[in-house]
Amino acid sequence: MKTLLRIGTLLACLGMGGPAHAEEAPPPAWHDQRVLTADFAFSALATVEDEEWFTIRGIRVVSRKTGQVVQELPIEGAEAIRRDADELVRIVDANFDGRPDIVITYMEAGAGPNYVDGFYLFDARQGRFVPDTDLSQLTQPAIHADGTITSSSRGGCCQFDMATYRYVNGKLVLVEASEEAMTADGKWIETRTRKLVKGKWQRRFKRVPNRPGAQ
């Protein structure tokens, strides 16, 4: 099970928390970013939607050695996010290969809990950043120092899903997943989990009374 929400579903859930759009937005402009790697600096093409709200449209990768633009990444469909103009691009080693990768907030949750990031992994053979579909589909992704990546999503008040992934031979692999939901009568919380152990799934089911407000 891959814990993700389709973009259309997320759009329906976000509803609140976005900027108050002006009648006519100014044209996009390039903004130098704070983050640096040993080899690259970055600039983000973004539209100012309303004061601190920006919609990112593209990324320039600049060689720190030559000062020349070595790559441009177009970005389509990103939602407006509330950030400083020089903090639209983040750097993290998303696939644990020892090389920094690019991350952007593709869609914020607004009043809801689910968000989506866009990942661009550095391909050493090409010397370029490449969009990664698998990571970019995960909701609420988190990169952990133990080599795992977690993804979670909430469906309203009564359902919570969590998934854990690892990279195995360069591929993103689901290794653990859980689904927690309240029963229709509101009396029980049911949790279904599965964990990959030595190539086989181990499954568990737990049902406990629903006690609102219990610690």
Protein backbone atom coordinates (compact mmCIF):
# COMPACT_ATOMS: atom_id res chain seq x y z
CA MET A 1 0.00 0.00 0.00
CA LYS A 2 1.42 3.38 -0.91
CA THR A 3 0.13 6.14 1.33
CA LEU A 4 -0.73 8.90 -1.09
CA LEU A 5 -3.60 11.07 -2.20
CA ARG A 6 -4.18 12.01 -5.79
CA ILE A 7 -3.70 15.69 -6.53
CA GLY A 8 -7.41 16.18 -7.30
CA THR A 9 -8.38 14.68 -3.96
CA LEU A 10 -5.94 16.91 -2.15
CA LEU A 11 -7.27 20.00 -3.87
CA ALA A 12 -10.74 19.14 -2.64
CA CYS A 13 -9.45 18.71 0.91
CA LEU A 14 -7.33 21.85 1.15
CA GLY A 15 -10.04 24.46 0.73
CA MET A 16 -8.90 26.89 3.41
CA GLY A 17 -5.62 28.58 4.27
CA GLY A 18 -4.62 29.89 0.83
CA PRO A 19 -3.76 33.46 -0.11
CA ALA A 20 -6.28 36.14 -0.97
CA HIS A 21 -5.51 36.54 -4.68
CA ALA A 22 -5.08 39.98 -6.12
CA GLU A 23 -7.01 40.95 -9.24
CA GLU A 24 -3.90 40.61 -11.37
CA ALA A 25 -0.74 38.88 -10.16
CA PRO A 26 2.64 40.36 -11.14
CA PRO A 27 4.81 38.36 -13.55
CA PRO A 28 7.09 35.70 -12.03
CA ALA A 29 10.59 36.73 -11.00
CA TRP A 30 13.78 34.89 -10.10
CA HIS A 31 14.74 34.72 -6.41
CA ASP A 32 18.17 33.53 -5.24
CA GLN A 33 17.83 30.80 -2.62
CA ARG A 34 19.63 30.50 0.71
CA VAL A 35 20.51 26.83 0.29
CA LEU A 36 23.79 25.80 -1.30
CA THR A 37 25.59 22.56 -1.98
CA ALA A 38 29.32 22.12 -2.53
CA ASP A 39 28.74 22.39 -6.28
CA PHE A 40 25.52 24.32 -6.84
CA ALA A 41 23.55 27.42 -5.96
CA PHE A 42 19.85 27.74 -6.75
CA SER A 43 17.33 30.30 -7.91
CA ALA A 44 13.55 29.93 -7.93
CA LEU A 45 11.16 31.42 -10.46
CA ALA A 46 8.06 32.40 -8.51
CA THR A 47 4.93 34.51 -8.68
CA VAL A 48 4.03 36.68 -5.70
CA GLU A 49 0.38 35.88 -4.98
CA ASP A 50 -0.19 37.94 -1.82
CA GLU A 51 2.66 39.32 0.29
CA GLU A 52 4.35 36.19 1.72
CA TRP A 53 2.56 33.73 -0.59
CA PHE A 54 4.51 32.47 -3.60
CA THR A 55 3.82 30.05 -6.43
CA ILE A 56 7.02 28.42 -7.66
CA ARG A 57 7.29 28.06 -11.45
CA GLY A 58 10.82 26.82 -11.99
CA ILE A 59 14.29 26.27 -10.56
CA ARG A 60 17.69 27.26 -11.90
CA VAL A 61 20.73 25.24 -10.90
CA VAL A 62 23.89 27.36 -10.98
CA SER A 63 27.47 26.08 -10.92
CA ARG A 64 29.31 27.64 -7.98
CA LYS A 65 32.57 27.15 -9.85
CA THR A 66 31.65 28.99 -13.05
CA GLY A 67 28.55 30.97 -12.07
CA GLN A 68 26.78 29.56 -15.12
CA VAL A 69 23.27 28.11 -15.18
CA VAL A 70 23.72 24.38 -15.76
CA GLN A 71 20.07 23.29 -15.55
CA GLU A 72 16.55 24.70 -15.48
CA LEU A 73 13.67 22.70 -13.99
CA PRO A 74 10.17 23.80 -15.04
CA ILE A 75 7.49 23.30 -12.38
CA GLU A 76 3.83 23.09 -13.32
CA GLY A 77 0.76 22.91 -11.11
CA ALA A 78 2.34 23.87 -7.78
CA GLU A 79 0.08 25.58 -5.26
CA ALA A 80 0.85 28.90 -3.59
CA ILE A 81 2.77 28.45 -0.34
CA ARG A 82 3.61 30.82 2.50
CA ARG A 83 7.40 31.14 2.56
CA ASP A 84 10.12 33.74 2.31
CA ALA A 85 11.14 34.23 -1.30
CA ASP A 86 14.63 32.86 -0.63
CA GLU A 87 13.37 29.69 1.10
CA LEU A 88 11.33 28.07 -1.67
CA VAL A 89 13.98 25.41 -2.40
CA ARG A 90 15.23 22.92 0.20
CA ILE A 91 18.11 20.44 0.06
CA VAL A 92 18.09 16.92 1.52
CA ASP A 93 19.64 13.55 0.66
CA ALA A 94 16.27 11.96 -0.10
CA ASN A 95 17.53 8.61 -1.44
CA PHE A 96 20.52 8.18 0.90
CA ASP A 97 23.14 8.05 -1.84
CA GLY A 98 25.31 10.72 -0.22
CA ARG A 99 24.35 13.41 -2.75
CA PRO A 100 22.07 16.38 -1.99
CA ASP A 101 18.68 16.42 -3.73
CA ILE A 102 16.16 19.21 -4.32
CA VAL A 103 12.84 19.37 -2.47
CA ILE A 104 10.04 21.91 -2.89
CA THR A 105 6.69 22.17 -1.16
CA TYR A 106 4.37 21.37 -4.06
CA MET A 107 1.13 21.67 -2.15
CA GLU A 108 0.46 22.81 1.40
CA ALA A 109 -2.37 21.53 3.52
CA GLY A 110 -3.94 24.83 4.52
CA ALA A 111 -6.42 23.88 7.22
CA GLY A 112 -5.90 20.15 6.61
CA PRO A 113 -3.03 17.81 7.55
CA ASN A 114 -1.97 16.46 4.15
CA TYR A 115 0.71 18.05 1.99
CA VAL A 116 2.84 16.98 -0.97
CA ASP A 117 6.50 17.75 -1.74
CA GLY A 118 8.20 17.67 -5.12
CA PHE A 119 11.50 15.76 -5.21
CA TYR A 120 14.32 16.11 -7.75
CA LEU A 121 17.07 13.54 -7.22
CA PHE A 122 20.63 14.20 -8.35
CA ASP A 123 21.76 11.71 -11.00
CA ALA A 124 25.54 11.55 -10.82
CA ARG A 125 25.84 9.91 -14.25
CA GLN A 126 23.97 12.75 -15.93
CA GLY A 127 25.19 15.44 -13.53
CA ARG A 128 21.59 16.67 -13.36
CA PHE A 129 18.58 16.73 -11.05
CA VAL A 130 15.79 14.42 -12.19
CA PRO A 131 12.11 14.56 -11.05
CA ASP A 132 11.21 11.56 -8.89
CA THR A 133 7.58 10.45 -9.23
CA ASP A 134 7.59 7.90 -6.40
CA LEU A 135 8.66 10.31 -3.67
CA SER A 136 6.57 13.15 -5.09
CA GLN A 137 3.38 11.11 -4.71
CA LEU A 138 3.80 10.58 -0.97
CA THR A 139 1.73 12.66 1.42
CA GLN A 140 3.49 14.22 4.40
CA PRO A 141 6.85 12.66 3.51
CA ALA A 142 9.61 12.65 6.12
CA ILE A 143 13.24 11.61 5.56
CA HIS A 144 14.83 9.92 8.60
CA ALA A 145 18.47 9.41 9.59
CA ASP A 146 17.96 5.64 9.92
CA GLY A 147 17.45 5.32 6.16
CA THR A 148 13.66 5.22 6.20
CA ILE A 149 11.07 7.48 4.61
CA THR A 150 7.64 7.76 6.18
CA SER A 151 4.42 8.96 4.62
CA SER A 152 1.15 9.63 6.40
CA SER A 153 -2.33 10.88 5.62
CA ARG A 154 -5.50 11.62 7.52
CA GLY A 155 -9.01 11.13 6.18
CA GLY A 156 -11.22 13.42 8.23
CA CYS A 157 -11.45 12.81 11.98
CA CYS A 158 -11.59 9.05 11.96
CA GLN A 159 -8.89 7.55 9.76
CA PHE A 160 -5.10 7.74 9.82
CA ASP A 161 -2.68 5.89 7.53
CA MET A 162 1.09 5.53 7.88
CA ALA A 163 3.64 3.89 5.60
CA THR A 164 7.40 3.32 5.89
CA TYR A 165 9.73 2.91 2.92
CA ARG A 166 13.37 2.05 2.32
CA TYR A 167 15.55 2.20 -0.75
CA VAL A 168 16.53 -1.31 -1.84
CA ASN A 169 18.89 -1.55 -4.83
CA GLY A 170 17.95 1.99 -5.81
CA LYS A 171 14.20 1.36 -5.67
CA LEU A 172 11.73 2.78 -3.14
CA VAL A 173 10.17 -0.21 -1.35
CA LEU A 174 7.29 -0.29 1.12
CA VAL A 175 8.42 -2.14 4.27
CA GLU A 176 5.69 -1.33 6.78
CA ALA A 177 2.15 0.09 6.74
CA SER A 178 -0.66 0.73 9.17
CA GLU A 179 -4.29 1.81 8.89
CA GLU A 180 -6.18 3.14 11.91
CA ALA A 181 -9.90 3.90 11.72
CA MET A 182 -12.92 4.30 13.94
CA THR A 183 -15.81 1.92 13.34
CA ALA A 184 -19.06 3.28 11.92
CA ASP A 185 -20.79 3.10 15.32
CA GLY A 186 -17.95 5.08 16.92
CA LYS A 187 -17.34 2.48 19.61
CA TRP A 188 -14.03 1.00 18.46
CA ILE A 189 -10.64 1.96 17.03
CA GLU A 190 -9.31 -0.68 14.65
CA THR A 191 -5.67 -0.84 13.59
CA ARG A 192 -4.37 -3.03 10.78
CA THR A 193 -0.62 -3.30 10.33
CA ARG A 194 1.70 -5.21 8.04
CA LYS A 195 5.49 -5.43 8.10
CA LEU A 196 7.88 -6.93 5.57
CA VAL A 197 10.14 -9.43 7.36
CA LYS A 198 12.63 -11.49 5.32
CA GLY A 199 10.59 -10.93 2.17
CA LYS A 200 7.23 -11.93 3.71
CA TRP A 201 4.43 -9.79 5.11
CA GLN A 202 3.52 -10.19 8.76
CA ARG A 203 0.02 -8.88 9.51
CA ARG A 204 -1.65 -7.84 12.75
CA PHE A 205 -5.07 -6.58 13.75
CA LYS A 206 -5.95 -4.73 16.95
CA ARG A 207 -9.33 -3.47 18.19
CA VAL A 208 -9.67 -1.29 21.27
CA PRO A 209 -12.59 0.69 22.75
CA ASN A 210 -12.85 4.27 21.58
CA ARG A 211 -12.42 6.54 24.61
CA PRO A 212 -12.52 10.16 23.45
CA GLY A 213 -10.25 12.35 25.53
CA ALA A 214 -8.40 9.41 27.08
CA GLN A 215 -4.66 9.91 27.57
